[in-house]
Amino acid sequence: MNPAGRAGMFRAASTLMLSSGVALLLCACASGPVPPDWQANAHAALQAYESAVYAGNVRVAEAEFARARGELARTGRPELVARAELTRCAMRTLGLEFDDCPGYLALAADVGAAERTYANYLVGRWEGMQAGLLSAEHQSVVSGGAGALGAIADPRARLVAAGVLFRMGCLLVTGVALAVDTASVQGWRRPLLVWLGVQLKLAEQSGDTEAAARIRRRIELTGGTR
């Protein structure tokens, strides 16, 4: 591939890198005809990290995230590392693993309003939030709640939004079903198992033994025990 082609490919990749469903982009970093190695390396590592999370491969996920973070840290730019940490927080959120994004908090003093807004969105701290700094998808969730989930086209953003709403206690049974379907269509085993677990609890709580039995069989199939 010629240098111009390579530059175009990596500029396109940079607009996706570290986005976490919001406009936290690295396009400003692709300043030359051929991007620096750290950019391509970090992008590849984050892609591998996300794939490992979806598959439930914790060891690989941790190694790939450390590689991505190390590449970004080479720039000495805290906002880039913070965006990677927000990506990790988003991935934990879609799998219903909730915390205060400690990796991001360690860098929060040196980031901009977009990063702070997305961090607040992920932890459900919406009061006084500058929602206009979020992507249109997440803005719709802030304004429309669980009813906006079905209109989110990107499956990753939809599952992150479902996780945030679940954390806030605002997700309906239909939203849980949508999260299950989203993970299932994508073949994201680990998130699917987590959301099936939520669906199972809801079925048990409602006394729907037939649905609960069906969900258990699905969990066994997904987890490879059936």
C-alpha atoms as a PDB file:
ATOM      1  CA  MET A   1       0.000   0.000   0.000  1.00  0.00           C
ATOM      2  CA  ASN A   2       1.340   3.444  -0.892  1.00  0.00           C
ATOM      3  CA  PRO A   3       1.917   6.119   1.788  1.00  0.00           C
ATOM      4  CA  ALA A   4      -1.218   8.050   0.830  1.00  0.00           C
ATOM      5  CA  GLY A   5      -3.324   4.906   1.145  1.00  0.00           C
ATOM      6  CA  ARG A   6      -1.798   4.063   4.506  1.00  0.00           C
ATOM      7  CA  ALA A   7      -2.411   7.578   5.755  1.00  0.00           C
ATOM      8  CA  GLY A   8      -6.059   7.440   4.719  1.00  0.00           C
ATOM      9  CA  MET A   9      -6.556   4.054   6.373  1.00  0.00           C
ATOM     10  CA  PHE A  10      -5.097   5.159   9.679  1.00  0.00           C
ATOM     11  CA  ARG A  11      -6.888   8.500   9.641  1.00  0.00           C
ATOM     12  CA  ALA A  12     -10.139   6.561   9.302  1.00  0.00           C
ATOM     13  CA  ALA A  13      -9.089   4.219  12.082  1.00  0.00           C
ATOM     14  CA  SER A  14      -8.246   7.137  14.313  1.00  0.00           C
ATOM     15  CA  THR A  15     -11.823   8.384  14.173  1.00  0.00           C
ATOM     16  CA  LEU A  16     -12.957   5.095  15.687  1.00  0.00           C
ATOM     17  CA  MET A  17     -10.152   4.588  18.152  1.00  0.00           C
ATOM     18  CA  LEU A  18     -11.030   5.090  21.805  1.00  0.00           C
ATOM     19  CA  SER A  19     -14.461   6.462  20.896  1.00  0.00           C
ATOM     20  CA  SER A  20     -16.439   4.483  23.512  1.00  0.00           C
ATOM     21  CA  GLY A  21     -19.541   5.568  21.649  1.00  0.00           C
ATOM     22  CA  VAL A  22     -18.774   9.290  21.964  1.00  0.00           C
ATOM     23  CA  ALA A  23     -16.716  11.785  20.009  1.00  0.00           C
ATOM     24  CA  LEU A  24     -13.465  11.083  21.845  1.00  0.00           C
ATOM     25  CA  LEU A  25     -11.305  10.787  18.777  1.00  0.00           C
ATOM     26  CA  LEU A  26      -7.653  10.658  17.933  1.00  0.00           C
ATOM     27  CA  CYS A  27      -8.000  12.192  14.504  1.00  0.00           C
ATOM     28  CA  ALA A  28      -6.100  15.250  15.687  1.00  0.00           C
ATOM     29  CA  CYS A  29      -3.074  13.037  16.233  1.00  0.00           C
ATOM     30  CA  ALA A  30      -2.747  12.012  12.570  1.00  0.00           C
ATOM     31  CA  SER A  31      -0.851  15.141  11.575  1.00  0.00           C
ATOM     32  CA  GLY A  32       1.389  13.729   8.851  1.00  0.00           C
ATOM     33  CA  PRO A  33       1.029  11.622   5.694  1.00  0.00           C
ATOM     34  CA  VAL A  34       2.044   8.522   7.632  1.00  0.00           C
ATOM     35  CA  PRO A  35       0.857   8.278  11.250  1.00  0.00           C
ATOM     36  CA  PRO A  36       3.277   7.422  14.047  1.00  0.00           C
ATOM     37  CA  ASP A  37       3.680   3.817  15.126  1.00  0.00           C
ATOM     38  CA  TRP A  38       2.085   4.363  18.533  1.00  0.00           C
ATOM     39  CA  GLN A  39      -1.227   5.283  16.927  1.00  0.00           C
ATOM     40  CA  ALA A  40      -1.546   2.139  14.823  1.00  0.00           C
ATOM     41  CA  ASN A  41      -0.221  -0.033  17.654  1.00  0.00           C
ATOM     42  CA  ALA A  42      -2.649   1.416  20.196  1.00  0.00           C
ATOM     43  CA  HIS A  43      -5.571   1.045  17.832  1.00  0.00           C
ATOM     44  CA  ALA A  44      -4.752  -2.605  17.144  1.00  0.00           C
ATOM     45  CA  ALA A  45      -4.275  -3.361  20.835  1.00  0.00           C
ATOM     46  CA  LEU A  46      -7.590  -1.762  21.791  1.00  0.00           C
ATOM     47  CA  GLN A  47      -9.361  -3.723  19.080  1.00  0.00           C
ATOM     48  CA  ALA A  48      -7.814  -6.925  20.413  1.00  0.00           C
ATOM     49  CA  TYR A  49      -8.726  -5.893  23.964  1.00  0.00           C
ATOM     50  CA  GLU A  50     -12.380  -5.440  23.084  1.00  0.00           C
ATOM     51  CA  SER A  51     -12.516  -8.759  21.228  1.00  0.00           C
ATOM     52  CA  ALA A  52     -11.034 -10.518  24.257  1.00  0.00           C
ATOM     53  CA  VAL A  53     -13.567  -8.880  26.567  1.00  0.00           C
ATOM     54  CA  TYR A  54     -16.441 -10.019  24.376  1.00  0.00           C
ATOM     55  CA  ALA A  55     -15.070 -13.553  24.415  1.00  0.00           C
ATOM     56  CA  GLY A  56     -14.486 -13.500  28.174  1.00  0.00           C
ATOM     57  CA  ASN A  57     -10.717 -14.012  27.871  1.00  0.00           C
ATOM     58  CA  VAL A  58      -9.609 -11.952  30.862  1.00  0.00           C
ATOM     59  CA  ARG A  59      -5.874 -12.670  30.591  1.00  0.00           C
ATOM     60  CA  VAL A  60      -5.653 -11.614  26.952  1.00  0.00           C
ATOM     61  CA  ALA A  61      -7.860  -8.579  27.557  1.00  0.00           C
ATOM     62  CA  GLU A  62      -5.637  -7.317  30.361  1.00  0.00           C
ATOM     63  CA  ALA A  63      -2.480  -7.836  28.320  1.00  0.00           C
ATOM     64  CA  GLU A  64      -3.859  -6.039  25.261  1.00  0.00           C
ATOM     65  CA  PHE A  65      -5.143  -3.125  27.299  1.00  0.00           C
ATOM     66  CA  ALA A  66      -1.768  -2.743  28.989  1.00  0.00           C
ATOM     67  CA  ARG A  67      -0.143  -2.723  25.550  1.00  0.00           C
ATOM     68  CA  ALA A  68      -2.529  -0.048  24.276  1.00  0.00           C
ATOM     69  CA  ARG A  69      -2.101   2.082  27.368  1.00  0.00           C
ATOM     70  CA  GLY A  70       1.667   1.825  27.107  1.00  0.00           C
ATOM     71  CA  GLU A  71       1.629   2.978  23.493  1.00  0.00           C
ATOM     72  CA  LEU A  72      -0.545   5.975  24.338  1.00  0.00           C
ATOM     73  CA  ALA A  73       1.546   6.862  27.371  1.00  0.00           C
ATOM     74  CA  ARG A  74       4.534   7.256  25.037  1.00  0.00           C
ATOM     75  CA  THR A  75       2.959  10.504  23.841  1.00  0.00           C
ATOM     76  CA  GLY A  76       2.881  12.044  27.316  1.00  0.00           C
ATOM     77  CA  ARG A  77      -0.684  13.156  26.622  1.00  0.00           C
ATOM     78  CA  PRO A  78      -2.972  12.354  29.553  1.00  0.00           C
ATOM     79  CA  GLU A  79      -6.157  12.901  27.571  1.00  0.00           C
ATOM     80  CA  LEU A  80      -5.274  10.040  25.217  1.00  0.00           C
ATOM     81  CA  VAL A  81      -4.591   7.636  28.057  1.00  0.00           C
ATOM     82  CA  ALA A  82      -7.780   8.839  29.766  1.00  0.00           C
ATOM     83  CA  ARG A  83      -9.763   7.971  26.647  1.00  0.00           C
ATOM     84  CA  ALA A  84      -8.356   4.461  26.729  1.00  0.00           C
ATOM     85  CA  GLU A  85      -9.372   4.201  30.386  1.00  0.00           C
ATOM     86  CA  LEU A  86     -12.863   5.380  29.451  1.00  0.00           C
ATOM     87  CA  THR A  87     -12.958   2.676  26.798  1.00  0.00           C
ATOM     88  CA  ARG A  88     -12.160   0.136  29.502  1.00  0.00           C
ATOM     89  CA  CYS A  89     -14.845   1.628  31.752  1.00  0.00           C
ATOM     90  CA  ALA A  90     -17.374   1.415  28.925  1.00  0.00           C
ATOM     91  CA  MET A  91     -16.487  -2.212  28.269  1.00  0.00           C
ATOM     92  CA  ARG A  92     -16.941  -3.010  31.938  1.00  0.00           C
ATOM     93  CA  THR A  93     -20.256  -1.179  31.940  1.00  0.00           C
ATOM     94  CA  LEU A  94     -21.716  -3.152  29.039  1.00  0.00           C
ATOM     95  CA  GLY A  95     -20.823  -6.306  30.990  1.00  0.00           C
ATOM     96  CA  LEU A  96     -22.423  -4.889  34.176  1.00  0.00           C
ATOM     97  CA  GLU A  97     -19.115  -4.539  36.030  1.00  0.00           C
ATOM     98  CA  PHE A  98     -19.530  -1.227  37.776  1.00  0.00           C
ATOM     99  CA  ASP A  99     -16.939   0.995  39.413  1.00  0.00           C
ATOM    100  CA  ASP A 100     -15.984   4.674  39.328  1.00  0.00           C
ATOM    101  CA  CYS A 101     -13.513   4.228  36.456  1.00  0.00           C
ATOM    102  CA  PRO A 102     -10.446   4.438  38.722  1.00  0.00           C
ATOM    103  CA  GLY A 103      -7.963   4.407  35.837  1.00  0.00           C
ATOM    104  CA  TYR A 104      -9.656   7.463  34.395  1.00  0.00           C
ATOM    105  CA  LEU A 105      -9.963   9.217  37.766  1.00  0.00           C
ATOM    106  CA  ALA A 106      -6.190   9.130  38.158  1.00  0.00           C
ATOM    107  CA  LEU A 107      -5.967  11.282  35.017  1.00  0.00           C
ATOM    108  CA  ALA A 108      -9.126  13.361  35.409  1.00  0.00           C
ATOM    109  CA  ALA A 109      -7.344  16.539  36.471  1.00  0.00           C
ATOM    110  CA  ASP A 110      -5.717  16.811  33.044  1.00  0.00           C
ATOM    111  CA  VAL A 111      -8.576  16.036  30.656  1.00  0.00           C
ATOM    112  CA  GLY A 112     -11.146  18.120  28.827  1.00  0.00           C
ATOM    113  CA  ALA A 113     -14.885  18.585  29.126  1.00  0.00           C
ATOM    114  CA  ALA A 114     -15.712  15.796  26.641  1.00  0.00           C
ATOM    115  CA  GLU A 115     -13.859  13.191  28.685  1.00  0.00           C
ATOM    116  CA  ARG A 116     -15.397  14.419  31.939  1.00  0.00           C
ATOM    117  CA  THR A 117     -18.870  14.332  30.435  1.00  0.00           C
ATOM    118  CA  TYR A 118     -18.510  10.798  29.136  1.00  0.00           C
ATOM    119  CA  ALA A 119     -17.133   9.636  32.477  1.00  0.00           C
ATOM    120  CA  ASN A 120     -20.148  11.147  34.240  1.00  0.00           C
ATOM    121  CA  TYR A 121     -22.435   9.474  31.727  1.00  0.00           C
ATOM    122  CA  LEU A 122     -20.914   6.045  32.341  1.00  0.00           C
ATOM    123  CA  VAL A 123     -21.290   6.213  36.121  1.00  0.00           C
ATOM    124  CA  GLY A 124     -24.815   7.615  35.938  1.00  0.00           C
ATOM    125  CA  ARG A 125     -23.944  11.059  37.237  1.00  0.00           C
ATOM    126  CA  TRP A 126     -26.195  12.928  34.851  1.00  0.00           C
ATOM    127  CA  GLU A 127     -27.329  15.929  36.875  1.00  0.00           C
ATOM    128  CA  GLY A 128     -25.802  19.094  35.442  1.00  0.00           C
ATOM    129  CA  MET A 129     -23.984  17.085  32.776  1.00  0.00           C
ATOM    130  CA  GLN A 130     -23.128  18.730  29.437  1.00  0.00           C
ATOM    131  CA  ALA A 131     -25.056  16.152  27.424  1.00  0.00           C
ATOM    132  CA  GLY A 132     -24.362  18.022  24.210  1.00  0.00           C
ATOM    133  CA  LEU A 133     -20.772  16.786  24.395  1.00  0.00           C
ATOM    134  CA  LEU A 134     -21.917  13.169  24.066  1.00  0.00           C
ATOM    135  CA  SER A 135     -22.554  11.407  20.766  1.00  0.00           C
ATOM    136  CA  ALA A 136     -26.075  11.730  19.382  1.00  0.00           C
ATOM    137  CA  GLU A 137     -26.739   8.121  20.445  1.00  0.00           C
ATOM    138  CA  HIS A 138     -25.964   8.741  24.084  1.00  0.00           C
ATOM    139  CA  GLN A 139     -27.637  12.134  24.061  1.00  0.00           C
ATOM    140  CA  SER A 140     -30.837  10.351  23.039  1.00  0.00           C
ATOM    141  CA  VAL A 141     -30.539   8.056  26.057  1.00  0.00           C
ATOM    142  CA  VAL A 142     -30.033  10.989  28.422  1.00  0.00           C
ATOM    143  CA  SER A 143     -33.149  12.680  27.065  1.00  0.00           C
ATOM    144  CA  GLY A 144     -35.287   9.628  26.325  1.00  0.00           C
ATOM    145  CA  GLY A 145     -34.158   7.000  28.809  1.00  0.00           C
ATOM    146  CA  ALA A 146     -34.726   3.299  28.132  1.00  0.00           C
ATOM    147  CA  GLY A 147     -37.147   4.121  25.338  1.00  0.00           C
ATOM    148  CA  ALA A 148     -34.263   5.374  23.212  1.00  0.00           C
ATOM    149  CA  LEU A 149     -32.279   2.121  23.290  1.00  0.00           C
ATOM    150  CA  GLY A 150     -33.931   0.525  20.295  1.00  0.00           C
ATOM    151  CA  ALA A 151     -33.028   3.472  18.077  1.00  0.00           C
ATOM    152  CA  ILE A 152     -29.286   3.126  18.743  1.00  0.00           C
ATOM    153  CA  ALA A 153     -27.817   1.534  15.636  1.00  0.00           C
ATOM    154  CA  ASP A 154     -24.358   0.705  16.973  1.00  0.00           C
ATOM    155  CA  PRO A 155     -24.547  -2.500  19.064  1.00  0.00           C
ATOM    156  CA  ARG A 156     -21.650  -1.535  21.299  1.00  0.00           C
ATOM    157  CA  ALA A 157     -23.128   1.860  22.118  1.00  0.00           C
ATOM    158  CA  ARG A 158     -26.539   0.254  22.678  1.00  0.00           C
ATOM    159  CA  LEU A 159     -25.122  -2.248  25.155  1.00  0.00           C
ATOM    160  CA  VAL A 160     -23.122   0.428  26.975  1.00  0.00           C
ATOM    161  CA  ALA A 161     -26.277   2.539  27.269  1.00  0.00           C
ATOM    162  CA  ALA A 162     -28.206  -0.467  28.574  1.00  0.00           C
ATOM    163  CA  GLY A 163     -25.515  -1.013  31.191  1.00  0.00           C
ATOM    164  CA  VAL A 164     -25.658   2.607  32.302  1.00  0.00           C
ATOM    165  CA  LEU A 165     -29.455   2.506  32.581  1.00  0.00           C
ATOM    166  CA  PHE A 166     -29.284  -0.766  34.498  1.00  0.00           C
ATOM    167  CA  ARG A 167     -26.800   0.792  36.905  1.00  0.00           C
ATOM    168  CA  MET A 168     -29.211   3.669  37.445  1.00  0.00           C
ATOM    169  CA  GLY A 169     -32.157   1.344  38.012  1.00  0.00           C
ATOM    170  CA  CYS A 170     -33.919   2.671  34.909  1.00  0.00           C
ATOM    171  CA  LEU A 171     -33.822  -0.341  32.595  1.00  0.00           C
ATOM    172  CA  LEU A 172     -37.111  -2.087  31.840  1.00  0.00           C
ATOM    173  CA  VAL A 173     -37.600  -5.799  31.176  1.00  0.00           C
ATOM    174  CA  THR A 174     -37.808  -5.001  27.476  1.00  0.00           C
ATOM    175  CA  GLY A 175     -34.454  -3.237  27.722  1.00  0.00           C
ATOM    176  CA  VAL A 176     -32.883  -6.332  29.257  1.00  0.00           C
ATOM    177  CA  ALA A 177     -34.299  -8.414  26.418  1.00  0.00           C
ATOM    178  CA  LEU A 178     -32.852  -5.954  23.902  1.00  0.00           C
ATOM    179  CA  ALA A 179     -29.439  -6.198  25.584  1.00  0.00           C
ATOM    180  CA  VAL A 180     -29.619  -9.994  25.415  1.00  0.00           C
ATOM    181  CA  ASP A 181     -30.570  -9.891  21.739  1.00  0.00           C
ATOM    182  CA  THR A 182     -27.812  -7.377  20.967  1.00  0.00           C
ATOM    183  CA  ALA A 183     -25.090  -9.499  22.542  1.00  0.00           C
ATOM    184  CA  SER A 184     -26.505 -12.640  20.933  1.00  0.00           C
ATOM    185  CA  VAL A 185     -26.574 -11.228  17.390  1.00  0.00           C
ATOM    186  CA  GLN A 186     -22.962 -10.083  17.740  1.00  0.00           C
ATOM    187  CA  GLY A 187     -21.823 -13.378  19.247  1.00  0.00           C
ATOM    188  CA  TRP A 188     -20.438 -11.579  22.308  1.00  0.00           C
ATOM    189  CA  ARG A 189     -20.366 -14.539  24.679  1.00  0.00           C
ATOM    190  CA  ARG A 190     -19.334 -12.867  27.922  1.00  0.00           C
ATOM    191  CA  PRO A 191     -21.837  -9.971  27.801  1.00  0.00           C
ATOM    192  CA  LEU A 192     -24.525 -12.393  26.663  1.00  0.00           C
ATOM    193  CA  LEU A 193     -23.979 -14.625  29.682  1.00  0.00           C
ATOM    194  CA  VAL A 194     -24.135 -11.624  32.015  1.00  0.00           C
ATOM    195  CA  TRP A 195     -27.349 -10.264  30.517  1.00  0.00           C
ATOM    196  CA  LEU A 196     -28.919 -13.728  30.393  1.00  0.00           C
ATOM    197  CA  GLY A 197     -28.198 -13.918  34.117  1.00  0.00           C
ATOM    198  CA  VAL A 198     -30.177 -10.714  34.635  1.00  0.00           C
ATOM    199  CA  GLN A 199     -32.993 -12.036  32.494  1.00  0.00           C
ATOM    200  CA  LEU A 200     -33.037 -15.269  34.494  1.00  0.00           C
ATOM    201  CA  LYS A 201     -33.381 -13.387  37.787  1.00  0.00           C
ATOM    202  CA  LEU A 202     -36.276 -11.380  36.396  1.00  0.00           C
ATOM    203  CA  ALA A 203     -38.030 -14.540  35.247  1.00  0.00           C
ATOM    204  CA  GLU A 204     -37.525 -16.168  38.638  1.00  0.00           C
ATOM    205  CA  GLN A 205     -38.776 -13.091  40.463  1.00  0.00           C
ATOM    206  CA  SER A 206     -41.917 -13.014  38.349  1.00  0.00           C
ATOM    207  CA  GLY A 207     -42.561 -16.711  38.939  1.00  0.00           C
ATOM    208  CA  ASP A 208     -42.269 -17.591  35.243  1.00  0.00           C
ATOM    209  CA  THR A 209     -40.757 -21.052  35.665  1.00  0.00           C
ATOM    210  CA  GLU A 210     -41.046 -21.939  31.990  1.00  0.00           C
ATOM    211  CA  ALA A 211     -39.095 -18.854  30.893  1.00  0.00           C
ATOM    212  CA  ALA A 212     -36.541 -19.405  33.667  1.00  0.00           C
ATOM    213  CA  ALA A 213     -35.923 -22.977  32.517  1.00  0.00           C
ATOM    214  CA  ARG A 214     -35.524 -21.834  28.930  1.00  0.00           C
ATOM    215  CA  ILE A 215     -33.041 -19.137  29.923  1.00  0.00           C
ATOM    216  CA  ARG A 216     -31.031 -21.615  32.014  1.00  0.00           C
ATOM    217  CA  ARG A 217     -30.742 -23.916  29.001  1.00  0.00           C
ATOM    218  CA  ARG A 218     -29.589 -20.974  26.914  1.00  0.00           C
ATOM    219  CA  ILE A 219     -26.975 -20.041  29.517  1.00  0.00           C
ATOM    220  CA  GLU A 220     -25.693 -23.614  29.510  1.00  0.00           C
ATOM    221  CA  LEU A 221     -25.494 -23.611  25.711  1.00  0.00           C
ATOM    222  CA  THR A 222     -23.688 -20.258  25.581  1.00  0.00           C
ATOM    223  CA  GLY A 223     -21.278 -21.255  28.323  1.00  0.00           C
ATOM    224  CA  GLY A 224     -20.452 -24.556  26.645  1.00  0.00           C
ATOM    225  CA  THR A 225     -21.852 -26.824  29.371  1.00  0.00           C
ATOM    226  CA  ARG A 226     -24.763 -28.132  27.298  1.00  0.00           C
END
